[in-house]
Amino acid sequence: MFHLPDSPLFRIARPEDILLAPKPWFVAITLALAFTVNLLPLSGFALALRPDFFALVLLYWAIHQPRWIGIGVAWACGLLTDVVEANLFGQHALAYAILGFAASYFHRRVLRFPLWQQALHVLGLLLITQMVVLVLRLMSGATLPTAAIVLGSVSSALIWPVVSALLQWPQRVRSLLD
């Protein structure tokens, strides 16, 4: 089992912990950084194994800040992804909007679980997102991909604890100084 280092910086917030609200600029920077990492050119097995960082960070903020990041922001992020990747216009927008809706619907439930169970929820949500994109691509005439298409969602779920720790870090910095 994967464990984070035993440091207060990497300690994941428990449901009874009170975290500071994240700064809006931090949320925007993390989304922009995740989007940029998704654009890195990869091929072959590395491309199949690469997590969807943009969907993962979008899902994190939709779960932790559902009033800020919801269906509308997810839709806009999906449109941006479609434009930049030159995909069928709207496929990621629809998939990310469904992801945003599911995250806002399940956010209280997901936050009550330990991280490994949260990762299972994240895996399910990301697989649904990927299935929406797959169905839309197949409807537009694309060929059926291999089963390796699910590797990105699996790797995203595996790094969920690390992403959660990193994105919660600025919310707890002041409490570490006390």
Protein backbone atom coordinates (compact mmCIF):
# COMPACT_ATOMS: atom_id res chain seq x y z
CA MET A 1 0.00 0.00 0.00
CA PHE A 2 1.26 3.45 -0.85
CA HIS A 3 1.81 5.80 2.09
CA LEU A 4 2.67 9.46 2.08
CA PRO A 5 5.67 10.64 4.11
CA ASP A 6 4.96 11.09 7.82
CA SER A 7 5.04 14.86 7.83
CA PRO A 8 2.38 17.40 8.80
CA LEU A 9 2.65 18.84 5.30
CA PHE A 10 1.56 15.55 3.75
CA ARG A 11 -1.05 14.63 6.32
CA ILE A 12 -4.42 14.39 4.66
CA ALA A 13 -7.21 16.34 6.27
CA ARG A 14 -9.68 14.26 8.22
CA PRO A 15 -13.40 15.07 8.01
CA GLU A 16 -13.26 16.80 11.40
CA ASP A 17 -10.30 19.03 10.41
CA ILE A 18 -11.00 22.61 9.47
CA LEU A 19 -9.04 23.82 6.49
CA LEU A 20 -8.63 27.38 5.30
CA ALA A 21 -10.50 28.26 2.14
CA PRO A 22 -8.23 28.10 -0.87
CA LYS A 23 -7.39 31.32 -2.66
CA PRO A 24 -9.14 31.66 -6.03
CA TRP A 25 -5.80 32.34 -7.72
CA PHE A 26 -4.44 29.05 -6.34
CA VAL A 27 -7.39 27.12 -7.78
CA ALA A 28 -6.90 28.83 -11.16
CA ILE A 29 -3.14 28.19 -11.18
CA THR A 30 -3.57 24.51 -10.31
CA LEU A 31 -6.12 24.09 -13.11
CA ALA A 32 -3.85 25.90 -15.58
CA LEU A 33 -0.85 23.82 -14.51
CA ALA A 34 -2.81 20.57 -14.83
CA PHE A 35 -4.01 21.64 -18.28
CA THR A 36 -0.43 22.39 -19.32
CA VAL A 37 0.81 19.01 -18.07
CA ASN A 38 -1.92 17.30 -20.12
CA LEU A 39 -0.53 18.99 -23.23
CA LEU A 40 2.93 17.46 -22.86
CA PRO A 41 3.68 15.38 -25.97
CA LEU A 42 3.79 11.67 -25.17
CA SER A 43 3.35 8.60 -27.31
CA GLY A 44 2.85 4.89 -26.97
CA PHE A 45 2.53 3.30 -23.56
CA ALA A 46 3.45 6.53 -21.74
CA LEU A 47 0.46 8.24 -23.36
CA ALA A 48 -1.86 5.39 -22.36
CA LEU A 49 -0.51 5.43 -18.80
CA ARG A 50 -0.57 9.23 -18.36
CA PRO A 51 -3.20 10.36 -15.87
CA ASP A 52 -5.71 12.95 -17.01
CA PHE A 53 -4.30 15.63 -14.71
CA PHE A 54 -6.80 18.24 -15.86
CA ALA A 55 -9.80 16.03 -15.07
CA LEU A 56 -8.18 14.95 -11.80
CA VAL A 57 -7.56 18.49 -10.54
CA LEU A 58 -10.97 19.59 -11.82
CA LEU A 59 -12.53 16.70 -9.91
CA TYR A 60 -10.57 17.56 -6.77
CA TRP A 61 -11.77 21.17 -6.77
CA ALA A 62 -15.33 20.15 -7.71
CA ILE A 63 -15.39 17.85 -4.68
CA HIS A 64 -13.70 20.25 -2.26
CA GLN A 65 -15.13 23.54 -3.55
CA PRO A 66 -18.44 22.70 -5.25
CA ARG A 67 -19.66 26.30 -5.03
CA TRP A 68 -16.70 27.52 -7.06
CA ILE A 69 -16.08 24.66 -9.46
CA GLY A 70 -19.22 23.12 -10.82
CA ILE A 71 -20.86 22.13 -14.05
CA GLY A 72 -20.27 25.48 -15.79
CA VAL A 73 -16.56 25.61 -15.05
CA ALA A 74 -16.21 21.95 -15.99
CA TRP A 75 -18.03 22.63 -19.27
CA ALA A 76 -15.70 25.54 -20.07
CA CYS A 77 -12.64 23.43 -19.21
CA GLY A 78 -13.92 20.70 -21.52
CA LEU A 79 -14.43 23.15 -24.37
CA LEU A 80 -10.89 24.44 -23.86
CA THR A 81 -9.60 20.86 -23.99
CA ASP A 82 -11.51 20.16 -27.20
CA VAL A 83 -10.22 23.31 -28.89
CA VAL A 84 -6.59 22.76 -27.93
CA GLU A 85 -6.53 19.03 -28.72
CA ALA A 86 -8.54 19.56 -31.96
CA ASN A 87 -11.09 16.94 -30.94
CA LEU A 88 -14.76 16.69 -31.76
CA PHE A 89 -16.07 19.96 -30.35
CA GLY A 90 -18.02 19.33 -27.17
CA GLN A 91 -16.98 15.78 -26.31
CA HIS A 92 -14.78 16.73 -23.37
CA ALA A 93 -17.19 19.53 -22.49
CA LEU A 94 -20.01 17.04 -22.05
CA ALA A 95 -17.78 14.54 -20.25
CA TYR A 96 -16.37 17.16 -17.86
CA ALA A 97 -19.83 18.59 -17.23
CA ILE A 98 -21.02 15.13 -16.21
CA LEU A 99 -17.90 14.83 -14.05
CA GLY A 100 -18.65 18.21 -12.44
CA PHE A 101 -22.26 17.21 -11.77
CA ALA A 102 -21.25 13.85 -10.28
CA ALA A 103 -18.59 15.52 -8.13
CA SER A 104 -21.04 18.08 -6.76
CA TYR A 105 -23.62 15.35 -6.18
CA PHE A 106 -21.23 12.99 -4.36
CA HIS A 107 -18.85 15.50 -2.72
CA ARG A 108 -20.09 14.98 0.85
CA ARG A 109 -20.05 11.23 0.49
CA VAL A 110 -16.56 11.08 -1.02
CA LEU A 111 -15.02 13.32 1.65
CA ARG A 112 -16.14 10.99 4.45
CA PHE A 113 -14.03 8.09 3.19
CA PRO A 114 -10.32 7.49 3.68
CA LEU A 115 -8.11 8.27 0.69
CA TRP A 116 -7.93 4.78 -0.75
CA GLN A 117 -11.73 4.61 -0.83
CA GLN A 118 -11.86 8.12 -2.28
CA ALA A 119 -9.53 6.84 -4.99
CA LEU A 120 -12.06 4.12 -5.84
CA HIS A 121 -14.78 6.75 -6.20
CA VAL A 122 -12.44 8.85 -8.32
CA LEU A 123 -11.71 5.82 -10.50
CA GLY A 124 -15.42 5.29 -11.09
CA LEU A 125 -16.05 8.94 -11.92
CA LEU A 126 -13.08 9.11 -14.29
CA LEU A 127 -14.11 5.89 -16.01
CA ILE A 128 -17.58 7.34 -16.59
CA THR A 129 -15.98 10.48 -18.03
CA GLN A 130 -13.78 8.39 -20.29
CA MET A 131 -16.74 6.27 -21.41
CA VAL A 132 -18.65 9.42 -22.42
CA VAL A 133 -15.71 10.55 -24.55
CA LEU A 134 -15.37 7.05 -26.02
CA VAL A 135 -19.04 6.81 -26.95
CA LEU A 136 -18.98 10.24 -28.59
CA ARG A 137 -15.85 9.35 -30.56
CA LEU A 138 -17.39 6.06 -31.71
CA MET A 139 -20.55 7.90 -32.77
CA SER A 140 -18.43 10.24 -34.89
CA GLY A 141 -16.80 7.33 -36.74
CA ALA A 142 -13.61 6.63 -34.79
CA THR A 143 -12.32 3.10 -34.47
CA LEU A 144 -12.67 1.12 -31.27
CA PRO A 145 -9.57 1.62 -29.10
CA THR A 146 -7.78 -1.09 -27.16
CA ALA A 147 -8.49 -1.94 -23.54
CA ALA A 148 -5.46 0.18 -22.58
CA ILE A 149 -7.76 3.19 -22.67
CA VAL A 150 -8.64 2.60 -19.00
CA LEU A 151 -5.01 2.83 -17.87
CA GLY A 152 -5.20 6.63 -17.67
CA SER A 153 -8.12 6.48 -15.26
CA VAL A 154 -6.41 3.82 -13.15
CA SER A 155 -3.19 5.83 -12.93
CA SER A 156 -5.22 8.94 -12.06
CA ALA A 157 -6.91 7.10 -9.20
CA LEU A 158 -3.55 5.81 -7.98
CA ILE A 159 -2.13 9.32 -7.66
CA TRP A 160 -5.28 10.73 -6.02
CA PRO A 161 -3.70 10.66 -2.50
CA VAL A 162 -0.67 12.61 -3.70
CA VAL A 163 -2.81 15.16 -5.56
CA SER A 164 -5.03 15.57 -2.50
CA ALA A 165 -2.03 16.16 -0.23
CA LEU A 166 -0.46 18.68 -2.60
CA LEU A 167 -3.65 20.65 -3.18
CA GLN A 168 -4.51 20.75 0.53
CA TRP A 169 -1.06 21.95 1.53
CA PRO A 170 -1.70 25.73 1.15
CA GLN A 171 -4.90 25.41 3.15
CA ARG A 172 -3.04 24.14 6.18
CA VAL A 173 0.20 26.17 6.15
CA ARG A 174 -0.96 28.62 8.82
CA SER A 175 -2.02 25.80 11.14
CA LEU A 176 1.50 24.35 10.94
CA LEU A 177 3.01 27.61 12.17
CA ASP A 178 0.83 27.71 15.29
